[in-house]
């Protein structure tokens, strides 16, 4: 199957971390990929790394409605849009009583509202074109359980999880599937910046597999949910977390 037959996938936050690795894996499997990220320099570097044309890197803030709608139009002018991966996100590890309202709003705006804006733009395109599509939201186990320090981040990811369920219900009859991957701790530039040595120790103690995941392991789950192998998978939140959220007493 050619790239054009498979269609294109847009990956937000695609210039680094899980987004970049997802784009890499999809490209290896013959998918046309577009990266949406805020930083032009990082996008250019990612496109060179992946061997993509520079026009496949679109500089845009996911909270910018007009910018995202323009990005979707740019992509669909060249390819059939097959899927969207909402990977753009920011994090904060801070007790609730020490979290400012400004920080809380900023995290919810990027992680939750940004995913809504991108998903809505893609869904509107598919509905108007009468085409199927697939959305995968990158959420977090912090949206499934009460991890300390995650009042803002956890709320945003919990909101993403519920947004996944609602949009899956509303759009399924039109052939548009919406699922989520909820990673546990993963070695990315974001976690390296946010997780202290003490936090890393606590995660490793509580994850039954006793390690952080890799971006490639998350990318594999995303690629499955976008694929025809997952054609009857809709409205699911897949935890890729080494068993963290289901662990009982840790030996």
Protein backbone atom coordinates (compact mmCIF):
# COMPACT_ATOMS: atom_id res chain seq x y z
CA UNK A 1 0.00 0.00 0.00
CA UNK A 2 1.39 3.42 -0.96
CA UNK A 3 1.68 6.42 1.37
CA UNK A 4 -1.12 8.20 -0.50
CA UNK A 5 -3.44 5.18 -0.10
CA UNK A 6 -2.75 5.04 3.63
CA UNK A 7 -3.37 8.75 4.03
CA UNK A 8 -1.58 11.12 6.37
CA UNK A 9 -1.38 11.35 10.14
CA UNK A 10 -0.93 14.66 11.95
CA UNK A 11 1.03 14.44 15.20
CA UNK A 12 0.92 17.37 17.59
CA UNK A 13 3.94 17.79 19.82
CA UNK A 14 5.69 15.94 17.03
CA UNK A 15 9.09 17.60 17.33
CA UNK A 16 10.22 15.66 20.40
CA UNK A 17 9.56 12.82 22.83
CA UNK A 18 6.61 10.50 22.27
CA UNK A 19 5.32 12.58 19.37
CA UNK A 20 8.62 12.37 17.48
CA UNK A 21 8.96 8.63 18.08
CA UNK A 22 5.36 8.06 16.99
CA UNK A 23 6.03 9.96 13.78
CA UNK A 24 9.18 7.92 13.23
CA UNK A 25 7.37 4.59 13.65
CA UNK A 26 4.47 5.61 11.43
CA UNK A 27 6.93 6.74 8.75
CA UNK A 28 8.78 3.43 8.95
CA UNK A 29 5.45 1.72 8.31
CA UNK A 30 4.81 3.75 5.18
CA UNK A 31 2.53 6.46 6.56
CA UNK A 32 2.77 10.08 5.45
CA UNK A 33 3.34 12.15 8.60
CA UNK A 34 2.89 15.83 9.43
CA UNK A 35 4.32 17.32 12.61
CA UNK A 36 2.57 20.15 14.45
CA UNK A 37 4.63 21.90 17.12
CA UNK A 38 5.26 25.40 18.41
CA UNK A 39 8.98 25.76 17.70
CA UNK A 40 10.12 26.17 14.11
CA UNK A 41 13.72 25.24 14.84
CA UNK A 42 12.71 22.02 16.61
CA UNK A 43 10.34 21.15 13.76
CA UNK A 44 13.06 21.65 11.16
CA UNK A 45 15.40 19.43 13.15
CA UNK A 46 12.72 16.75 13.51
CA UNK A 47 11.92 16.85 9.79
CA UNK A 48 15.61 16.41 8.95
CA UNK A 49 15.86 13.56 11.45
CA UNK A 50 12.86 11.79 9.94
CA UNK A 51 13.69 12.61 6.33
CA UNK A 52 10.48 14.59 5.88
CA UNK A 53 10.01 17.60 3.60
CA UNK A 54 10.16 20.80 5.64
CA UNK A 55 6.55 21.57 4.66
CA UNK A 56 5.55 18.55 6.76
CA UNK A 57 6.53 20.51 9.86
CA UNK A 58 3.80 23.02 10.76
CA UNK A 59 4.56 25.62 13.43
CA UNK A 60 1.36 26.13 15.39
CA UNK A 61 0.09 26.42 18.95
CA UNK A 62 -2.60 23.78 19.61
CA UNK A 63 -4.63 26.35 21.55
CA UNK A 64 -4.90 28.55 18.43
CA UNK A 65 -8.21 27.63 16.77
CA UNK A 66 -7.54 29.48 13.53
CA UNK A 67 -3.98 28.16 13.31
CA UNK A 68 -5.09 24.56 13.80
CA UNK A 69 -7.90 24.88 11.25
CA UNK A 70 -5.36 26.29 8.79
CA UNK A 71 -2.97 23.42 9.51
CA UNK A 72 -5.69 20.82 8.86
CA UNK A 73 -6.55 22.54 5.57
CA UNK A 74 -2.87 22.53 4.56
CA UNK A 75 -2.61 18.81 5.21
CA UNK A 76 -5.88 17.87 3.52
CA UNK A 77 -4.98 19.92 0.44
CA UNK A 78 -2.12 17.44 -0.14
CA UNK A 79 -3.30 14.14 1.36
CA UNK A 80 -6.30 12.32 2.70
CA UNK A 81 -6.18 12.80 6.47
CA UNK A 82 -6.26 9.33 8.04
CA UNK A 83 -5.54 10.17 11.66
CA UNK A 84 -4.57 12.64 14.35
CA UNK A 85 -2.39 12.05 17.41
CA UNK A 86 -2.80 14.60 20.21
CA UNK A 87 0.60 14.46 21.87
CA UNK A 88 1.31 18.14 22.61
CA UNK A 89 1.39 18.69 26.35
CA UNK A 90 3.01 20.38 29.31
CA UNK A 91 3.39 19.22 32.90
CA UNK A 92 3.81 20.44 36.46
CA UNK A 93 4.70 18.47 39.58
CA UNK A 94 3.51 20.60 42.50
CA UNK A 95 1.11 20.19 45.44
CA UNK A 96 -2.38 21.55 44.79
CA UNK A 97 -2.12 24.17 47.55
CA UNK A 98 1.06 25.52 45.93
CA UNK A 99 -0.28 25.55 42.36
CA UNK A 100 -1.22 28.95 40.98
CA UNK A 101 -4.45 29.48 39.10
CA UNK A 102 -2.39 30.74 36.16
CA UNK A 103 -0.39 27.49 36.01
CA UNK A 104 -3.54 25.39 36.38
CA UNK A 105 -5.27 27.23 33.54
CA UNK A 106 -2.19 27.05 31.29
CA UNK A 107 -1.86 23.28 31.69
CA UNK A 108 -5.56 22.62 31.13
CA UNK A 109 -5.54 24.96 28.13
CA UNK A 110 -2.68 23.17 26.36
CA UNK A 111 -3.39 19.57 27.34
CA UNK A 112 -7.19 19.46 27.31
CA UNK A 113 -8.45 22.42 25.31
CA UNK A 114 -5.68 21.95 22.75
CA UNK A 115 -6.68 18.32 22.21
CA UNK A 116 -10.31 19.40 21.83
CA UNK A 117 -9.43 22.07 19.25
CA UNK A 118 -7.34 19.67 17.15
CA UNK A 119 -9.84 16.81 17.41
CA UNK A 120 -12.77 19.06 16.55
CA UNK A 121 -11.02 20.44 13.47
CA UNK A 122 -10.17 16.94 12.22
CA UNK A 123 -13.66 15.62 12.95
CA UNK A 124 -15.32 18.53 11.16
CA UNK A 125 -13.18 17.81 8.10
CA UNK A 126 -14.01 14.10 8.09
CA UNK A 127 -17.72 14.72 8.59
CA UNK A 128 -17.85 17.27 5.77
CA UNK A 129 -15.85 15.00 3.44
CA UNK A 130 -17.79 11.88 4.56
CA UNK A 131 -14.50 10.16 5.30
CA UNK A 132 -13.46 7.87 8.17
CA UNK A 133 -10.70 8.85 10.56
CA UNK A 134 -8.96 7.97 13.80
CA UNK A 135 -7.95 10.13 16.75
CA UNK A 136 -5.53 8.99 19.45
CA UNK A 137 -5.13 11.17 22.53
CA UNK A 138 -1.95 10.80 24.56
CA UNK A 139 -3.23 11.11 28.10
CA UNK A 140 -1.59 9.71 31.26
CA UNK A 141 -2.06 7.33 34.16
CA UNK A 142 -2.18 10.58 36.17
CA UNK A 143 -5.62 11.06 34.61
CA UNK A 144 -6.70 7.67 35.96
CA UNK A 145 -5.41 7.76 39.51
CA UNK A 146 -4.60 10.32 42.18
CA UNK A 147 -0.86 10.81 41.81
CA UNK A 148 0.48 13.44 44.19
CA UNK A 149 1.64 16.71 42.68
CA UNK A 150 -0.64 16.27 39.67
CA UNK A 151 -3.67 18.44 40.45
CA UNK A 152 -3.36 20.47 37.24
CA UNK A 153 -1.75 17.82 35.05
CA UNK A 154 -4.00 15.04 36.32
CA UNK A 155 -7.13 17.14 35.87
CA UNK A 156 -6.14 17.95 32.29
CA UNK A 157 -5.42 14.29 31.50
CA UNK A 158 -8.59 13.09 33.22
CA UNK A 159 -10.46 15.58 31.05
CA UNK A 160 -8.73 14.21 27.96
CA UNK A 161 -9.80 10.70 28.90
CA UNK A 162 -13.44 11.73 29.22
CA UNK A 163 -13.23 13.78 26.02
CA UNK A 164 -12.06 10.57 24.33
CA UNK A 165 -15.15 8.68 25.52
CA UNK A 166 -17.60 11.42 24.54
CA UNK A 167 -16.18 11.96 21.05
CA UNK A 168 -15.99 8.21 20.45
CA UNK A 169 -19.69 7.96 21.27
CA UNK A 170 -20.66 10.93 19.12
CA UNK A 171 -18.50 10.14 16.08
CA UNK A 172 -18.42 6.35 15.90
CA UNK A 173 -21.42 6.06 13.58
CA UNK A 174 -19.60 8.26 11.06
CA UNK A 175 -16.61 5.90 11.00
CA UNK A 176 -14.46 8.12 13.19
CA UNK A 177 -12.77 6.24 16.02
CA UNK A 178 -11.43 8.02 19.12
CA UNK A 179 -9.12 6.27 21.59
CA UNK A 180 -6.46 7.20 24.12
CA UNK A 181 -3.10 5.88 25.22
CA UNK A 182 -2.37 6.61 28.88
CA UNK A 183 1.37 6.23 29.47
CA UNK A 184 2.95 5.59 32.82
CA UNK A 185 6.40 7.06 33.44
CA UNK A 186 8.29 7.37 30.15
CA UNK A 187 11.80 8.64 29.53
CA UNK A 188 11.16 11.81 27.51
CA UNK A 189 12.58 15.36 27.62
CA UNK A 190 9.43 16.39 29.54
CA UNK A 191 9.82 13.80 32.31
CA UNK A 192 13.55 14.49 32.53
CA UNK A 193 12.69 18.14 33.21
CA UNK A 194 9.86 17.47 35.68
CA UNK A 195 10.80 14.28 37.54
CA UNK A 196 13.31 14.65 40.35
CA UNK A 197 15.50 11.74 41.40
CA UNK A 198 13.12 11.08 44.29
CA UNK A 199 10.12 11.04 41.96
CA UNK A 200 11.92 8.64 39.60
CA UNK A 201 12.70 6.34 42.52
CA UNK A 202 9.07 6.31 43.60
CA UNK A 203 7.83 5.50 40.10
CA UNK A 204 10.28 2.65 39.67
CA UNK A 205 9.34 1.22 43.06
CA UNK A 206 5.63 1.22 42.15
CA UNK A 207 5.76 0.03 38.54
CA UNK A 208 5.74 -3.79 38.58
CA UNK A 209 8.18 -3.90 35.66
CA UNK A 210 10.56 -1.72 37.73
CA UNK A 211 11.48 0.73 34.99
CA UNK A 212 10.38 3.70 32.93
CA UNK A 213 8.87 3.02 29.53
CA UNK A 214 10.37 4.19 26.25
CA UNK A 215 8.80 6.51 23.68
CA UNK A 216 8.94 3.61 21.20
CA UNK A 217 6.75 1.48 23.45
CA UNK A 218 4.11 4.22 23.53
CA UNK A 219 4.42 4.78 19.79
CA UNK A 220 3.67 1.10 19.15
CA UNK A 221 0.37 1.35 21.02
CA UNK A 222 -0.55 4.52 19.12
CA UNK A 223 0.27 2.90 15.77
CA UNK A 224 -1.98 -0.05 16.64
CA UNK A 225 -4.93 2.21 17.52
CA UNK A 226 -4.53 4.09 14.23
CA UNK A 227 -4.32 0.90 12.19
CA UNK A 228 -6.94 -1.29 10.55
CA UNK A 229 -6.10 -3.93 13.15
CA UNK A 230 -7.98 -1.69 15.59
CA UNK A 231 -10.94 -1.09 13.27
CA UNK A 232 -13.42 -2.17 15.98
CA UNK A 233 -11.63 -0.45 18.86
CA UNK A 234 -13.38 2.77 19.85
CA UNK A 235 -13.65 4.73 23.08
CA UNK A 236 -10.83 2.87 24.85
CA UNK A 237 -8.18 4.22 27.22
CA UNK A 238 -5.16 1.93 26.94
CA UNK A 239 -2.75 2.24 29.86
CA UNK A 240 0.82 1.55 28.73
CA UNK A 241 2.38 1.72 32.15
CA UNK A 242 4.19 -1.47 33.07
CA UNK A 243 1.20 -2.45 35.21
CA UNK A 244 1.21 0.64 37.46
CA UNK A 245 -2.51 1.41 37.75
CA UNK A 246 -3.51 -2.19 38.42
CA UNK A 247 -0.72 -3.09 40.83
CA UNK A 248 -1.57 -4.26 44.31
CA UNK A 249 0.99 -4.57 47.08
CA UNK A 250 4.43 -4.26 45.55
CA UNK A 251 6.79 -7.14 46.49
